[in-house]
Amino acid sequence: MSTSCASNTYAELKARGLGAQAAQHVIKKVRDSYTTLKANIRAGNLGKEGSKRRRRAESKPVTFRPEAAQPYDDRCLSWQYDQRTVSVWTVDGRVRNIRFACSADALKMLQAYRQGESDLIQRDGVFYLVATCDVPEAGQYEPDGFIGVDLGIDNIATASTGYLAAGRGLNRYRKRQLALRAKLQKKRTKSAKRRLKARARKEARHAANQNHIISKTIVTEAERTGRGLSLEELKGIRTRVRLRKPQRVALHSWAFAQLGDFIVYKAKRAGVPLVFVDPAYTSQTCAECGHVDKRNRIDQGLFICRGCGVVAHADRNASHNIATRGESVWNAGA
């Protein structure tokens, strides 16, 4: 959007009754949307030149849903933390003393670290304010050893400390959601599509909650014992891992990257040293003697070394290998 075009648009928006800051936000949001659209077209994310999907994207103007997120800066929205209220600018004027609800910890974080814009969003008839908090990282300590974390399907996360986040309940939940989605998709009605969207959000919230619980448990243990964390390099995990057909759905439906991101940001906040290692052959290598053989991995849960004869839980053995590699990487970097 050119400067002259933006100026004309700003004058028109002001004439329609929008305030100065609100008009600027509208222009910025539209401009950013078209910038993203053009970037996706150039990158080929919307298909090849001449494809039906790309032609449709290029021919239609960008539209926004009525419930789409609305950004507010400190001139359009102010927080009263003690009263737990906000004052919000609207097209009908400023609305004051709107109560908000959050946990005690979230309120402390808002008071100490909130910065920049807040987004007002609507989900299922309920309004939420998404605030940006710039939390400083804690200083890293010198680790006394490393905890290795192996990620998988049957067991979501297995730590070398013995912690194991079993995936049986989660896999049952995923299968149930998959069956419900299939039933709704067959109906092809508007109400079914609404239900599908609501169910997708519910499943995403469930996955995020599980990932928060798992990541917090792992980081807290590392902080308590003064050790660092060693994680598998997750990039390309979906193309690297070979699985039977029933397991492929579980692999592609679980947010591995999100779990890794949660561990990373929680570790940075707590000052826990963290390294990423190459996961190649960690499931085939004996953590006791170092013997590598693909036959060592008997099945999903059993590891028997053909070199020294040690018997171990397969994922736990892999987590020990990841911990050893993490310590090597840290020492090499130091």
C-alpha atoms as a PDB file:
ATOM      1  CA  MET A   1       0.000   0.000   0.000  1.00  0.00           C
ATOM      2  CA  SER A   2       1.569   3.282  -1.114  1.00  0.00           C
ATOM      3  CA  THR A   3       1.893   6.342   1.144  1.00  0.00           C
ATOM      4  CA  SER A   4      -0.664   8.356  -0.832  1.00  0.00           C
ATOM      5  CA  CYS A   5      -3.124   5.450  -0.804  1.00  0.00           C
ATOM      6  CA  ALA A   6      -2.650   5.045   2.959  1.00  0.00           C
ATOM      7  CA  SER A   7      -3.256   8.776   3.471  1.00  0.00           C
ATOM      8  CA  ASN A   8      -6.484   8.672   1.459  1.00  0.00           C
ATOM      9  CA  THR A   9      -7.646   5.604   3.362  1.00  0.00           C
ATOM     10  CA  TYR A  10      -6.795   7.206   6.707  1.00  0.00           C
ATOM     11  CA  ALA A  11      -8.866  10.298   5.842  1.00  0.00           C
ATOM     12  CA  GLU A  12     -11.801   8.113   4.777  1.00  0.00           C
ATOM     13  CA  LEU A  13     -11.667   6.040   7.951  1.00  0.00           C
ATOM     14  CA  LYS A  14     -11.526   9.179  10.081  1.00  0.00           C
ATOM     15  CA  ALA A  15     -14.555  10.528   8.214  1.00  0.00           C
ATOM     16  CA  ARG A  16     -16.427   7.309   9.055  1.00  0.00           C
ATOM     17  CA  GLY A  17     -15.898   7.936  12.751  1.00  0.00           C
ATOM     18  CA  LEU A  18     -12.818   5.881  13.610  1.00  0.00           C
ATOM     19  CA  GLY A  19     -10.294   7.382  15.987  1.00  0.00           C
ATOM     20  CA  ALA A  20      -6.729   8.074  14.881  1.00  0.00           C
ATOM     21  CA  GLN A  21      -5.183   4.963  16.478  1.00  0.00           C
ATOM     22  CA  ALA A  22      -8.020   2.678  15.373  1.00  0.00           C
ATOM     23  CA  ALA A  23      -7.701   3.940  11.785  1.00  0.00           C
ATOM     24  CA  GLN A  24      -3.965   3.267  11.836  1.00  0.00           C
ATOM     25  CA  HIS A  25      -4.552  -0.282  13.140  1.00  0.00           C
ATOM     26  CA  VAL A  26      -7.088  -0.978  10.382  1.00  0.00           C
ATOM     27  CA  ILE A  27      -4.646   0.176   7.689  1.00  0.00           C
ATOM     28  CA  LYS A  28      -1.768  -1.827   9.213  1.00  0.00           C
ATOM     29  CA  LYS A  29      -3.849  -4.995   9.490  1.00  0.00           C
ATOM     30  CA  VAL A  30      -4.984  -4.827   5.851  1.00  0.00           C
ATOM     31  CA  ARG A  31      -1.491  -3.986   4.608  1.00  0.00           C
ATOM     32  CA  ASP A  32       0.055  -6.888   6.569  1.00  0.00           C
ATOM     33  CA  SER A  33      -2.582  -9.272   5.187  1.00  0.00           C
ATOM     34  CA  TYR A  34      -1.755  -8.394   1.580  1.00  0.00           C
ATOM     35  CA  THR A  35       1.971  -8.605   2.315  1.00  0.00           C
ATOM     36  CA  THR A  36       1.441 -12.131   3.690  1.00  0.00           C
ATOM     37  CA  LEU A  37      -0.723 -13.081   0.691  1.00  0.00           C
ATOM     38  CA  LYS A  38       1.937 -11.934  -1.792  1.00  0.00           C
ATOM     39  CA  ALA A  39       4.666 -13.745   0.143  1.00  0.00           C
ATOM     40  CA  ASN A  40       2.641 -16.984   0.082  1.00  0.00           C
ATOM     41  CA  ILE A  41       2.066 -16.628  -3.660  1.00  0.00           C
ATOM     42  CA  ARG A  42       5.781 -16.034  -4.336  1.00  0.00           C
ATOM     43  CA  ALA A  43       6.724 -19.016  -2.158  1.00  0.00           C
ATOM     44  CA  GLY A  44       4.283 -21.287  -4.008  1.00  0.00           C
ATOM     45  CA  ASN A  45       2.236 -22.010  -0.884  1.00  0.00           C
ATOM     46  CA  LEU A  46      -1.004 -21.377  -2.799  1.00  0.00           C
ATOM     47  CA  GLY A  47      -0.182 -23.621  -5.729  1.00  0.00           C
ATOM     48  CA  LYS A  48       1.541 -23.208  -9.065  1.00  0.00           C
ATOM     49  CA  GLU A  49       0.866 -20.324 -11.426  1.00  0.00           C
ATOM     50  CA  GLY A  50      -2.484 -20.877 -13.136  1.00  0.00           C
ATOM     51  CA  SER A  51      -3.782 -23.340 -10.535  1.00  0.00           C
ATOM     52  CA  LYS A  52      -7.384 -22.972  -9.388  1.00  0.00           C
ATOM     53  CA  ARG A  53      -6.414 -22.251  -5.782  1.00  0.00           C
ATOM     54  CA  ARG A  54      -3.892 -19.585  -6.752  1.00  0.00           C
ATOM     55  CA  ARG A  55      -6.272 -17.885  -9.211  1.00  0.00           C
ATOM     56  CA  ARG A  56      -8.949 -17.740  -6.515  1.00  0.00           C
ATOM     57  CA  ALA A  57      -6.499 -16.208  -4.024  1.00  0.00           C
ATOM     58  CA  GLU A  58      -5.285 -13.617  -6.520  1.00  0.00           C
ATOM     59  CA  SER A  59      -8.726 -12.614  -7.796  1.00  0.00           C
ATOM     60  CA  LYS A  60     -10.526 -12.101  -4.466  1.00  0.00           C
ATOM     61  CA  PRO A  61      -9.862  -9.273  -1.993  1.00  0.00           C
ATOM     62  CA  VAL A  62      -8.736 -10.183   1.505  1.00  0.00           C
ATOM     63  CA  THR A  63     -11.694 -10.396   3.889  1.00  0.00           C
ATOM     64  CA  PHE A  64     -11.824 -10.530   7.677  1.00  0.00           C
ATOM     65  CA  ARG A  65     -14.217 -12.481   9.857  1.00  0.00           C
ATOM     66  CA  PRO A  66     -16.341 -10.434  12.286  1.00  0.00           C
ATOM     67  CA  GLU A  67     -14.789 -12.388  15.171  1.00  0.00           C
ATOM     68  CA  ALA A  68     -11.188 -11.979  13.901  1.00  0.00           C
ATOM     69  CA  ALA A  69      -8.580 -10.737  16.400  1.00  0.00           C
ATOM     70  CA  GLN A  70      -8.491  -6.962  16.894  1.00  0.00           C
ATOM     71  CA  PRO A  71      -5.192  -5.384  18.017  1.00  0.00           C
ATOM     72  CA  TYR A  72      -5.207  -2.665  20.692  1.00  0.00           C
ATOM     73  CA  ASP A  73      -2.271  -0.580  21.845  1.00  0.00           C
ATOM     74  CA  ASP A  74      -2.065   1.357  25.111  1.00  0.00           C
ATOM     75  CA  ARG A  75      -3.869   4.339  23.602  1.00  0.00           C
ATOM     76  CA  CYS A  76      -6.931   2.227  22.742  1.00  0.00           C
ATOM     77  CA  LEU A  77      -6.908  -0.074  25.756  1.00  0.00           C
ATOM     78  CA  SER A  78      -5.781   0.544  29.321  1.00  0.00           C
ATOM     79  CA  TRP A  79      -5.435  -1.935  32.189  1.00  0.00           C
ATOM     80  CA  GLN A  80      -6.456  -1.376  35.810  1.00  0.00           C
ATOM     81  CA  TYR A  81      -4.757  -4.327  37.496  1.00  0.00           C
ATOM     82  CA  ASP A  82      -5.883  -3.698  41.081  1.00  0.00           C
ATOM     83  CA  GLN A  83      -9.534  -3.506  40.032  1.00  0.00           C
ATOM     84  CA  ARG A  84      -9.062  -6.243  37.391  1.00  0.00           C
ATOM     85  CA  THR A  85     -10.757  -4.091  34.785  1.00  0.00           C
ATOM     86  CA  VAL A  86      -9.900  -2.707  31.365  1.00  0.00           C
ATOM     87  CA  SER A  87     -10.979   0.368  29.451  1.00  0.00           C
ATOM     88  CA  VAL A  88     -11.502  -0.306  25.725  1.00  0.00           C
ATOM     89  CA  TRP A  89     -12.056   2.079  22.819  1.00  0.00           C
ATOM     90  CA  THR A  90     -14.981   1.069  20.561  1.00  0.00           C
ATOM     91  CA  VAL A  91     -16.692   2.643  17.557  1.00  0.00           C
ATOM     92  CA  ASP A  92     -19.375   3.802  20.004  1.00  0.00           C
ATOM     93  CA  GLY A  93     -16.902   5.425  22.347  1.00  0.00           C
ATOM     94  CA  ARG A  94     -14.742   4.233  25.223  1.00  0.00           C
ATOM     95  CA  VAL A  95     -16.192   1.503  27.433  1.00  0.00           C
ATOM     96  CA  ARG A  96     -14.827   1.505  30.971  1.00  0.00           C
ATOM     97  CA  ASN A  97     -14.698  -0.866  33.936  1.00  0.00           C
ATOM     98  CA  ILE A  98     -14.898  -4.093  31.912  1.00  0.00           C
ATOM     99  CA  ARG A  99     -13.914  -6.864  34.299  1.00  0.00           C
ATOM    100  CA  PHE A 100     -11.409  -9.528  33.274  1.00  0.00           C
ATOM    101  CA  ALA A 101     -10.562 -12.844  34.910  1.00  0.00           C
ATOM    102  CA  CYS A 102      -7.156 -14.522  35.190  1.00  0.00           C
ATOM    103  CA  SER A 103      -5.118 -16.506  37.686  1.00  0.00           C
ATOM    104  CA  ALA A 104      -3.059 -14.844  40.408  1.00  0.00           C
ATOM    105  CA  ASP A 105       0.195 -15.828  38.660  1.00  0.00           C
ATOM    106  CA  ALA A 106      -1.037 -14.438  35.342  1.00  0.00           C
ATOM    107  CA  LEU A 107      -1.966 -11.153  37.041  1.00  0.00           C
ATOM    108  CA  LYS A 108       1.539 -10.839  38.516  1.00  0.00           C
ATOM    109  CA  MET A 109       3.026 -11.473  35.083  1.00  0.00           C
ATOM    110  CA  LEU A 110       0.762  -8.861  33.502  1.00  0.00           C
ATOM    111  CA  GLN A 111       1.759  -6.251  36.057  1.00  0.00           C
ATOM    112  CA  ALA A 112       5.478  -6.965  35.765  1.00  0.00           C
ATOM    113  CA  TYR A 113       6.047  -7.764  32.094  1.00  0.00           C
ATOM    114  CA  ARG A 114       3.154  -6.704  29.840  1.00  0.00           C
ATOM    115  CA  GLN A 115       4.347  -4.768  26.794  1.00  0.00           C
ATOM    116  CA  GLY A 116       3.059  -3.687  23.396  1.00  0.00           C
ATOM    117  CA  GLU A 117      -0.280  -4.577  21.877  1.00  0.00           C
ATOM    118  CA  SER A 118      -3.070  -6.781  23.196  1.00  0.00           C
ATOM    119  CA  ASP A 119      -5.403  -8.739  20.905  1.00  0.00           C
ATOM    120  CA  LEU A 120      -9.126  -8.951  21.535  1.00  0.00           C
ATOM    121  CA  ILE A 121     -10.534 -12.232  20.211  1.00  0.00           C
ATOM    122  CA  GLN A 122     -13.875 -14.015  20.387  1.00  0.00           C
ATOM    123  CA  ARG A 123     -14.234 -17.760  20.822  1.00  0.00           C
ATOM    124  CA  ASP A 124     -17.663 -19.373  21.034  1.00  0.00           C
ATOM    125  CA  GLY A 125     -19.306 -16.156  22.210  1.00  0.00           C
ATOM    126  CA  VAL A 126     -16.668 -15.417  24.875  1.00  0.00           C
ATOM    127  CA  PHE A 127     -14.212 -12.525  24.553  1.00  0.00           C
ATOM    128  CA  TYR A 128     -10.545 -12.964  25.470  1.00  0.00           C
ATOM    129  CA  LEU A 129      -7.710 -10.449  25.734  1.00  0.00           C
ATOM    130  CA  VAL A 130      -4.381 -11.903  24.630  1.00  0.00           C
ATOM    131  CA  ALA A 131      -1.636  -9.782  26.179  1.00  0.00           C
ATOM    132  CA  THR A 132       2.039  -9.811  25.198  1.00  0.00           C
ATOM    133  CA  CYS A 133       4.467 -10.231  28.089  1.00  0.00           C
ATOM    134  CA  ASP A 134       8.231  -9.809  27.662  1.00  0.00           C
ATOM    135  CA  VAL A 135       9.616 -12.077  30.389  1.00  0.00           C
ATOM    136  CA  PRO A 136      13.417 -11.858  30.823  1.00  0.00           C
ATOM    137  CA  GLU A 137      15.443 -15.050  30.649  1.00  0.00           C
ATOM    138  CA  ALA A 138      17.120 -16.237  33.821  1.00  0.00           C
ATOM    139  CA  GLY A 139      20.895 -16.606  33.853  1.00  0.00           C
ATOM    140  CA  GLN A 140      22.052 -20.118  32.966  1.00  0.00           C
ATOM    141  CA  TYR A 141      23.849 -22.162  35.593  1.00  0.00           C
ATOM    142  CA  GLU A 142      26.643 -24.640  34.949  1.00  0.00           C
ATOM    143  CA  PRO A 143      24.854 -28.020  34.682  1.00  0.00           C
ATOM    144  CA  ASP A 144      25.781 -31.017  36.806  1.00  0.00           C
ATOM    145  CA  GLY A 145      25.035 -33.550  34.064  1.00  0.00           C
ATOM    146  CA  PHE A 146      22.165 -33.712  31.581  1.00  0.00           C
ATOM    147  CA  ILE A 147      18.670 -35.193  31.407  1.00  0.00           C
ATOM    148  CA  GLY A 148      17.915 -36.779  28.047  1.00  0.00           C
ATOM    149  CA  VAL A 149      14.366 -36.600  26.677  1.00  0.00           C
ATOM    150  CA  ASP A 150      13.160 -39.079  24.061  1.00  0.00           C
ATOM    151  CA  LEU A 151       9.928 -38.226  22.206  1.00  0.00           C
ATOM    152  CA  GLY A 152       7.698 -40.925  20.761  1.00  0.00           C
ATOM    153  CA  ILE A 153       4.213 -42.181  19.925  1.00  0.00           C
ATOM    154  CA  ASP A 154       3.463 -44.860  22.521  1.00  0.00           C
ATOM    155  CA  ASN A 155       5.249 -42.747  25.128  1.00  0.00           C
ATOM    156  CA  ILE A 156       5.013 -39.029  24.405  1.00  0.00           C
ATOM    157  CA  ALA A 157       8.154 -38.214  26.378  1.00  0.00           C
ATOM    158  CA  THR A 158      10.607 -40.403  28.279  1.00  0.00           C
ATOM    159  CA  ALA A 159      13.307 -38.804  30.435  1.00  0.00           C
ATOM    160  CA  SER A 160      16.521 -40.437  31.556  1.00  0.00           C
ATOM    161  CA  THR A 161      15.476 -39.678  35.161  1.00  0.00           C
ATOM    162  CA  GLY A 162      12.720 -42.299  34.898  1.00  0.00           C
ATOM    163  CA  TYR A 163       9.846 -39.900  34.145  1.00  0.00           C
ATOM    164  CA  LEU A 164       7.575 -41.315  31.441  1.00  0.00           C
ATOM    165  CA  ALA A 165       4.579 -39.566  29.893  1.00  0.00           C
ATOM    166  CA  ALA A 166       2.563 -42.549  28.665  1.00  0.00           C
ATOM    167  CA  GLY A 167       0.542 -42.078  25.500  1.00  0.00           C
ATOM    168  CA  ARG A 168      -2.151 -44.741  25.989  1.00  0.00           C
ATOM    169  CA  GLY A 169      -4.834 -42.350  27.221  1.00  0.00           C
ATOM    170  CA  LEU A 170      -3.880 -39.733  24.659  1.00  0.00           C
ATOM    171  CA  ASN A 171      -3.966 -42.249  21.816  1.00  0.00           C
ATOM    172  CA  ARG A 172      -7.454 -43.359  22.865  1.00  0.00           C
ATOM    173  CA  TYR A 173      -8.537 -39.706  22.914  1.00  0.00           C
ATOM    174  CA  ARG A 174      -7.082 -39.157  19.433  1.00  0.00           C
ATOM    175  CA  LYS A 175      -8.849 -42.212  18.002  1.00  0.00           C
ATOM    176  CA  ARG A 176     -12.143 -41.051  19.479  1.00  0.00           C
ATOM    177  CA  GLN A 177     -11.694 -37.569  17.994  1.00  0.00           C
ATOM    178  CA  LEU A 178     -10.758 -39.064  14.613  1.00  0.00           C
ATOM    179  CA  ALA A 179     -13.952 -41.162  14.548  1.00  0.00           C
ATOM    180  CA  LEU A 180     -16.091 -38.156  15.507  1.00  0.00           C
ATOM    181  CA  ARG A 181     -14.473 -36.021  12.792  1.00  0.00           C
ATOM    182  CA  ALA A 182     -15.166 -38.713  10.199  1.00  0.00           C
ATOM    183  CA  LYS A 183     -18.860 -38.797  11.153  1.00  0.00           C
ATOM    184  CA  LEU A 184     -19.193 -35.017  10.963  1.00  0.00           C
ATOM    185  CA  GLN A 185     -17.338 -34.811   7.644  1.00  0.00           C
ATOM    186  CA  LYS A 186     -19.797 -37.255   6.072  1.00  0.00           C
ATOM    187  CA  LYS A 187     -22.761 -35.007   6.913  1.00  0.00           C
ATOM    188  CA  ARG A 188     -21.429 -31.993   4.941  1.00  0.00           C
ATOM    189  CA  THR A 189     -23.857 -29.573   6.553  1.00  0.00           C
ATOM    190  CA  LYS A 190     -23.183 -26.079   7.890  1.00  0.00           C
ATOM    191  CA  SER A 191     -23.834 -27.194  11.447  1.00  0.00           C
ATOM    192  CA  ALA A 192     -21.420 -30.112  10.966  1.00  0.00           C
ATOM    193  CA  LYS A 193     -18.727 -27.710   9.731  1.00  0.00           C
ATOM    194  CA  ARG A 194     -19.269 -25.515  12.800  1.00  0.00           C
ATOM    195  CA  ARG A 195     -18.972 -28.551  15.032  1.00  0.00           C
ATOM    196  CA  LEU A 196     -15.777 -29.591  13.250  1.00  0.00           C
ATOM    197  CA  LYS A 197     -14.187 -26.191  13.865  1.00  0.00           C
ATOM    198  CA  ALA A 198     -15.205 -26.210  17.523  1.00  0.00           C
ATOM    199  CA  ARG A 199     -13.906 -29.772  17.954  1.00  0.00           C
ATOM    200  CA  ALA A 200     -10.613 -28.888  16.273  1.00  0.00           C
ATOM    201  CA  ARG A 201     -10.113 -26.026  18.738  1.00  0.00           C
ATOM    202  CA  LYS A 202     -10.984 -28.315  21.642  1.00  0.00           C
ATOM    203  CA  GLU A 203      -8.466 -30.927  20.484  1.00  0.00           C
ATOM    204  CA  ALA A 204      -5.781 -28.242  20.058  1.00  0.00           C
ATOM    205  CA  ARG A 205      -6.426 -26.985  23.607  1.00  0.00           C
ATOM    206  CA  HIS A 206      -6.200 -30.529  24.955  1.00  0.00           C
ATOM    207  CA  ALA A 207      -2.891 -31.139  23.162  1.00  0.00           C
ATOM    208  CA  ALA A 208      -1.483 -27.815  24.393  1.00  0.00           C
ATOM    209  CA  ASN A 209      -2.523 -28.574  27.976  1.00  0.00           C
ATOM    210  CA  GLN A 210      -0.842 -31.993  27.879  1.00  0.00           C
ATOM    211  CA  ASN A 211       2.306 -30.473  26.376  1.00  0.00           C
ATOM    212  CA  HIS A 212       2.358 -27.816  29.126  1.00  0.00           C
ATOM    213  CA  ILE A 213       2.097 -30.470  31.846  1.00  0.00           C
ATOM    214  CA  ILE A 214       4.824 -32.653  30.315  1.00  0.00           C
ATOM    215  CA  SER A 215       7.235 -29.785  29.615  1.00  0.00           C
ATOM    216  CA  LYS A 216       6.764 -28.264  33.077  1.00  0.00           C
ATOM    217  CA  THR A 217       7.466 -31.610  34.767  1.00  0.00           C
ATOM    218  CA  ILE A 218      10.680 -32.116  32.763  1.00  0.00           C
ATOM    219  CA  VAL A 219      12.022 -28.573  33.236  1.00  0.00           C
ATOM    220  CA  THR A 220      11.170 -28.498  36.958  1.00  0.00           C
ATOM    221  CA  GLU A 221      13.099 -31.745  37.542  1.00  0.00           C
ATOM    222  CA  ALA A 222      16.138 -30.390  35.686  1.00  0.00           C
ATOM    223  CA  GLU A 223      16.038 -27.151  37.692  1.00  0.00           C
ATOM    224  CA  ARG A 224      15.618 -29.006  40.984  1.00  0.00           C
ATOM    225  CA  THR A 225      18.614 -31.276  40.362  1.00  0.00           C
ATOM    226  CA  GLY A 226      20.840 -28.637  38.740  1.00  0.00           C
ATOM    227  CA  ARG A 227      21.112 -30.511  35.461  1.00  0.00           C
ATOM    228  CA  GLY A 228      20.669 -29.440  31.858  1.00  0.00           C
ATOM    229  CA  LEU A 229      18.281 -30.793  29.240  1.00  0.00           C
ATOM    230  CA  SER A 230      19.188 -32.661  26.077  1.00  0.00           C
ATOM    231  CA  LEU A 231      16.512 -32.870  23.372  1.00  0.00           C
ATOM    232  CA  GLU A 232      16.298 -34.568  20.014  1.00  0.00           C
ATOM    233  CA  GLU A 233      16.552 -32.307  16.988  1.00  0.00           C
ATOM    234  CA  LEU A 234      12.884 -32.356  15.911  1.00  0.00           C
ATOM    235  CA  LYS A 235      13.335 -30.871  12.435  1.00  0.00           C
ATOM    236  CA  GLY A 236      12.137 -33.369   9.834  1.00  0.00           C
ATOM    237  CA  ILE A 237      10.777 -35.883  12.367  1.00  0.00           C
ATOM    238  CA  ARG A 238       7.674 -36.557  10.247  1.00  0.00           C
ATOM    239  CA  THR A 239       9.725 -37.465   7.186  1.00  0.00           C
ATOM    240  CA  ARG A 240      12.527 -39.173   9.124  1.00  0.00           C
ATOM    241  CA  VAL A 241      10.463 -41.610  11.198  1.00  0.00           C
ATOM    242  CA  ARG A 242       9.158 -44.788   9.564  1.00  0.00           C
ATOM    243  CA  LEU A 243       5.960 -46.081  11.128  1.00  0.00           C
ATOM    244  CA  ARG A 244       3.157 -48.521  10.511  1.00  0.00           C
ATOM    245  CA  LYS A 245       0.017 -47.009   9.006  1.00  0.00           C
ATOM    246  CA  PRO A 246      -2.003 -46.893  12.287  1.00  0.00           C
ATOM    247  CA  GLN A 247       0.828 -44.921  13.950  1.00  0.00           C
ATOM    248  CA  ARG A 248       1.132 -42.369  11.122  1.00  0.00           C
ATOM    249  CA  VAL A 249      -2.123 -40.689  12.129  1.00  0.00           C
ATOM    250  CA  ALA A 250      -0.866 -40.308  15.696  1.00  0.00           C
ATOM    251  CA  LEU A 251       2.466 -38.903  14.493  1.00  0.00           C
ATOM    252  CA  HIS A 252       0.889 -36.288  12.234  1.00  0.00           C
ATOM    253  CA  SER A 253      -1.821 -35.297  14.719  1.00  0.00           C
ATOM    254  CA  TRP A 254       0.439 -34.629  17.718  1.00  0.00           C
ATOM    255  CA  ALA A 255       2.201 -31.291  18.197  1.00  0.00           C
ATOM    256  CA  PHE A 256       5.808 -32.472  18.604  1.00  0.00           C
ATOM    257  CA  ALA A 257       7.145 -29.048  17.669  1.00  0.00           C
ATOM    258  CA  GLN A 258       4.863 -27.421  20.255  1.00  0.00           C
ATOM    259  CA  LEU A 259       6.099 -29.749  23.000  1.00  0.00           C
ATOM    260  CA  GLY A 260       9.689 -28.920  22.047  1.00  0.00           C
ATOM    261  CA  ASP A 261       8.909 -25.183  22.023  1.00  0.00           C
ATOM    262  CA  PHE A 262       7.275 -25.399  25.450  1.00  0.00           C
ATOM    263  CA  ILE A 263      10.324 -27.142  26.912  1.00  0.00           C
ATOM    264  CA  VAL A 264      12.638 -24.557  25.329  1.00  0.00           C
ATOM    265  CA  TYR A 265      10.845 -21.455  26.609  1.00  0.00           C
ATOM    266  CA  LYS A 266      10.262 -22.909  30.085  1.00  0.00           C
ATOM    267  CA  ALA A 267      13.952 -23.881  30.275  1.00  0.00           C
ATOM    268  CA  LYS A 268      15.037 -20.363  29.236  1.00  0.00           C
ATOM    269  CA  ARG A 269      12.742 -18.806  31.835  1.00  0.00           C
ATOM    270  CA  ALA A 270      14.186 -21.056  34.547  1.00  0.00           C
ATOM    271  CA  GLY A 271      17.824 -20.697  33.400  1.00  0.00           C
ATOM    272  CA  VAL A 272      18.110 -24.434  32.621  1.00  0.00           C
ATOM    273  CA  PRO A 273      20.884 -25.153  30.057  1.00  0.00           C
ATOM    274  CA  LEU A 274      19.473 -26.854  26.957  1.00  0.00           C
ATOM    275  CA  VAL A 275      21.087 -28.475  23.916  1.00  0.00           C
ATOM    276  CA  PHE A 276      19.769 -30.273  20.823  1.00  0.00           C
ATOM    277  CA  VAL A 277      21.407 -33.466  19.580  1.00  0.00           C
ATOM    278  CA  ASP A 278      21.230 -35.670  16.509  1.00  0.00           C
ATOM    279  CA  PRO A 279      18.784 -38.506  17.324  1.00  0.00           C
ATOM    280  CA  ALA A 280      20.280 -40.928  14.755  1.00  0.00           C
ATOM    281  CA  TYR A 281      20.685 -44.489  16.134  1.00  0.00           C
ATOM    282  CA  THR A 282      19.761 -43.521  19.700  1.00  0.00           C
ATOM    283  CA  SER A 283      17.134 -46.284  19.687  1.00  0.00           C
ATOM    284  CA  GLN A 284      19.635 -48.874  18.360  1.00  0.00           C
ATOM    285  CA  THR A 285      22.612 -47.996  20.579  1.00  0.00           C
ATOM    286  CA  CYS A 286      23.167 -49.604  23.962  1.00  0.00           C
ATOM    287  CA  ALA A 287      23.504 -46.955  26.658  1.00  0.00           C
ATOM    288  CA  GLU A 288      25.693 -49.302  28.714  1.00  0.00           C
ATOM    289  CA  CYS A 289      28.320 -50.534  26.236  1.00  0.00           C
ATOM    290  CA  GLY A 290      27.713 -48.402  23.118  1.00  0.00           C
ATOM    291  CA  HIS A 291      27.062 -51.378  20.812  1.00  0.00           C
ATOM    292  CA  VAL A 292      24.965 -50.351  17.772  1.00  0.00           C
ATOM    293  CA  ASP A 293      22.685 -52.876  16.072  1.00  0.00           C
ATOM    294  CA  LYS A 294      19.180 -52.406  14.716  1.00  0.00           C
ATOM    295  CA  ARG A 295      18.332 -55.843  16.107  1.00  0.00           C
ATOM    296  CA  ASN A 296      18.912 -54.472  19.617  1.00  0.00           C
ATOM    297  CA  ARG A 297      15.458 -52.898  19.417  1.00  0.00           C
ATOM    298  CA  ILE A 298      13.288 -55.998  19.816  1.00  0.00           C
ATOM    299  CA  ASP A 299       9.957 -54.148  19.666  1.00  0.00           C
ATOM    300  CA  GLN A 300       8.370 -50.833  20.633  1.00  0.00           C
ATOM    301  CA  GLY A 301       9.102 -51.224  24.337  1.00  0.00           C
ATOM    302  CA  LEU A 302      11.952 -53.732  24.674  1.00  0.00           C
ATOM    303  CA  PHE A 303      15.689 -53.250  24.151  1.00  0.00           C
ATOM    304  CA  ILE A 304      18.141 -56.176  24.440  1.00  0.00           C
ATOM    305  CA  CYS A 305      21.770 -55.453  23.598  1.00  0.00           C
ATOM    306  CA  ARG A 306      23.416 -58.118  21.428  1.00  0.00           C
ATOM    307  CA  GLY A 307      26.815 -56.957  22.649  1.00  0.00           C
ATOM    308  CA  CYS A 308      26.553 -57.043  26.452  1.00  0.00           C
ATOM    309  CA  GLY A 309      23.103 -58.593  26.918  1.00  0.00           C
ATOM    310  CA  VAL A 310      21.606 -55.752  28.960  1.00  0.00           C
ATOM    311  CA  VAL A 311      17.781 -55.643  28.963  1.00  0.00           C
ATOM    312  CA  ALA A 312      16.102 -52.231  29.188  1.00  0.00           C
ATOM    313  CA  HIS A 313      13.022 -50.231  28.340  1.00  0.00           C
ATOM    314  CA  ALA A 314      13.628 -49.111  24.737  1.00  0.00           C
ATOM    315  CA  ASP A 315      12.629 -45.462  25.183  1.00  0.00           C
ATOM    316  CA  ARG A 316      14.507 -45.141  28.463  1.00  0.00           C
ATOM    317  CA  ASN A 317      17.636 -46.547  26.837  1.00  0.00           C
ATOM    318  CA  ALA A 318      17.296 -43.974  24.051  1.00  0.00           C
ATOM    319  CA  SER A 319      16.854 -41.155  26.591  1.00  0.00           C
ATOM    320  CA  HIS A 320      20.158 -42.127  28.266  1.00  0.00           C
ATOM    321  CA  ASN A 321      21.890 -41.978  24.877  1.00  0.00           C
ATOM    322  CA  ILE A 322      20.403 -38.532  24.265  1.00  0.00           C
ATOM    323  CA  ALA A 323      21.620 -37.399  27.707  1.00  0.00           C
ATOM    324  CA  THR A 324      25.161 -38.625  26.940  1.00  0.00           C
ATOM    325  CA  ARG A 325      25.182 -36.831  23.593  1.00  0.00           C
ATOM    326  CA  GLY A 326      23.883 -33.672  25.234  1.00  0.00           C
ATOM    327  CA  GLU A 327      26.751 -33.649  27.729  1.00  0.00           C
ATOM    328  CA  SER A 328      29.240 -34.133  24.880  1.00  0.00           C
ATOM    329  CA  VAL A 329      27.743 -31.264  22.900  1.00  0.00           C
ATOM    330  CA  TRP A 330      27.783 -28.984  25.944  1.00  0.00           C
ATOM    331  CA  ASN A 331      31.399 -29.802  26.790  1.00  0.00           C
ATOM    332  CA  ALA A 332      32.459 -29.280  23.167  1.00  0.00           C
ATOM    333  CA  GLY A 333      30.738 -25.891  23.127  1.00  0.00           C
ATOM    334  CA  ALA A 334      32.269 -24.900  26.444  1.00  0.00           C
END
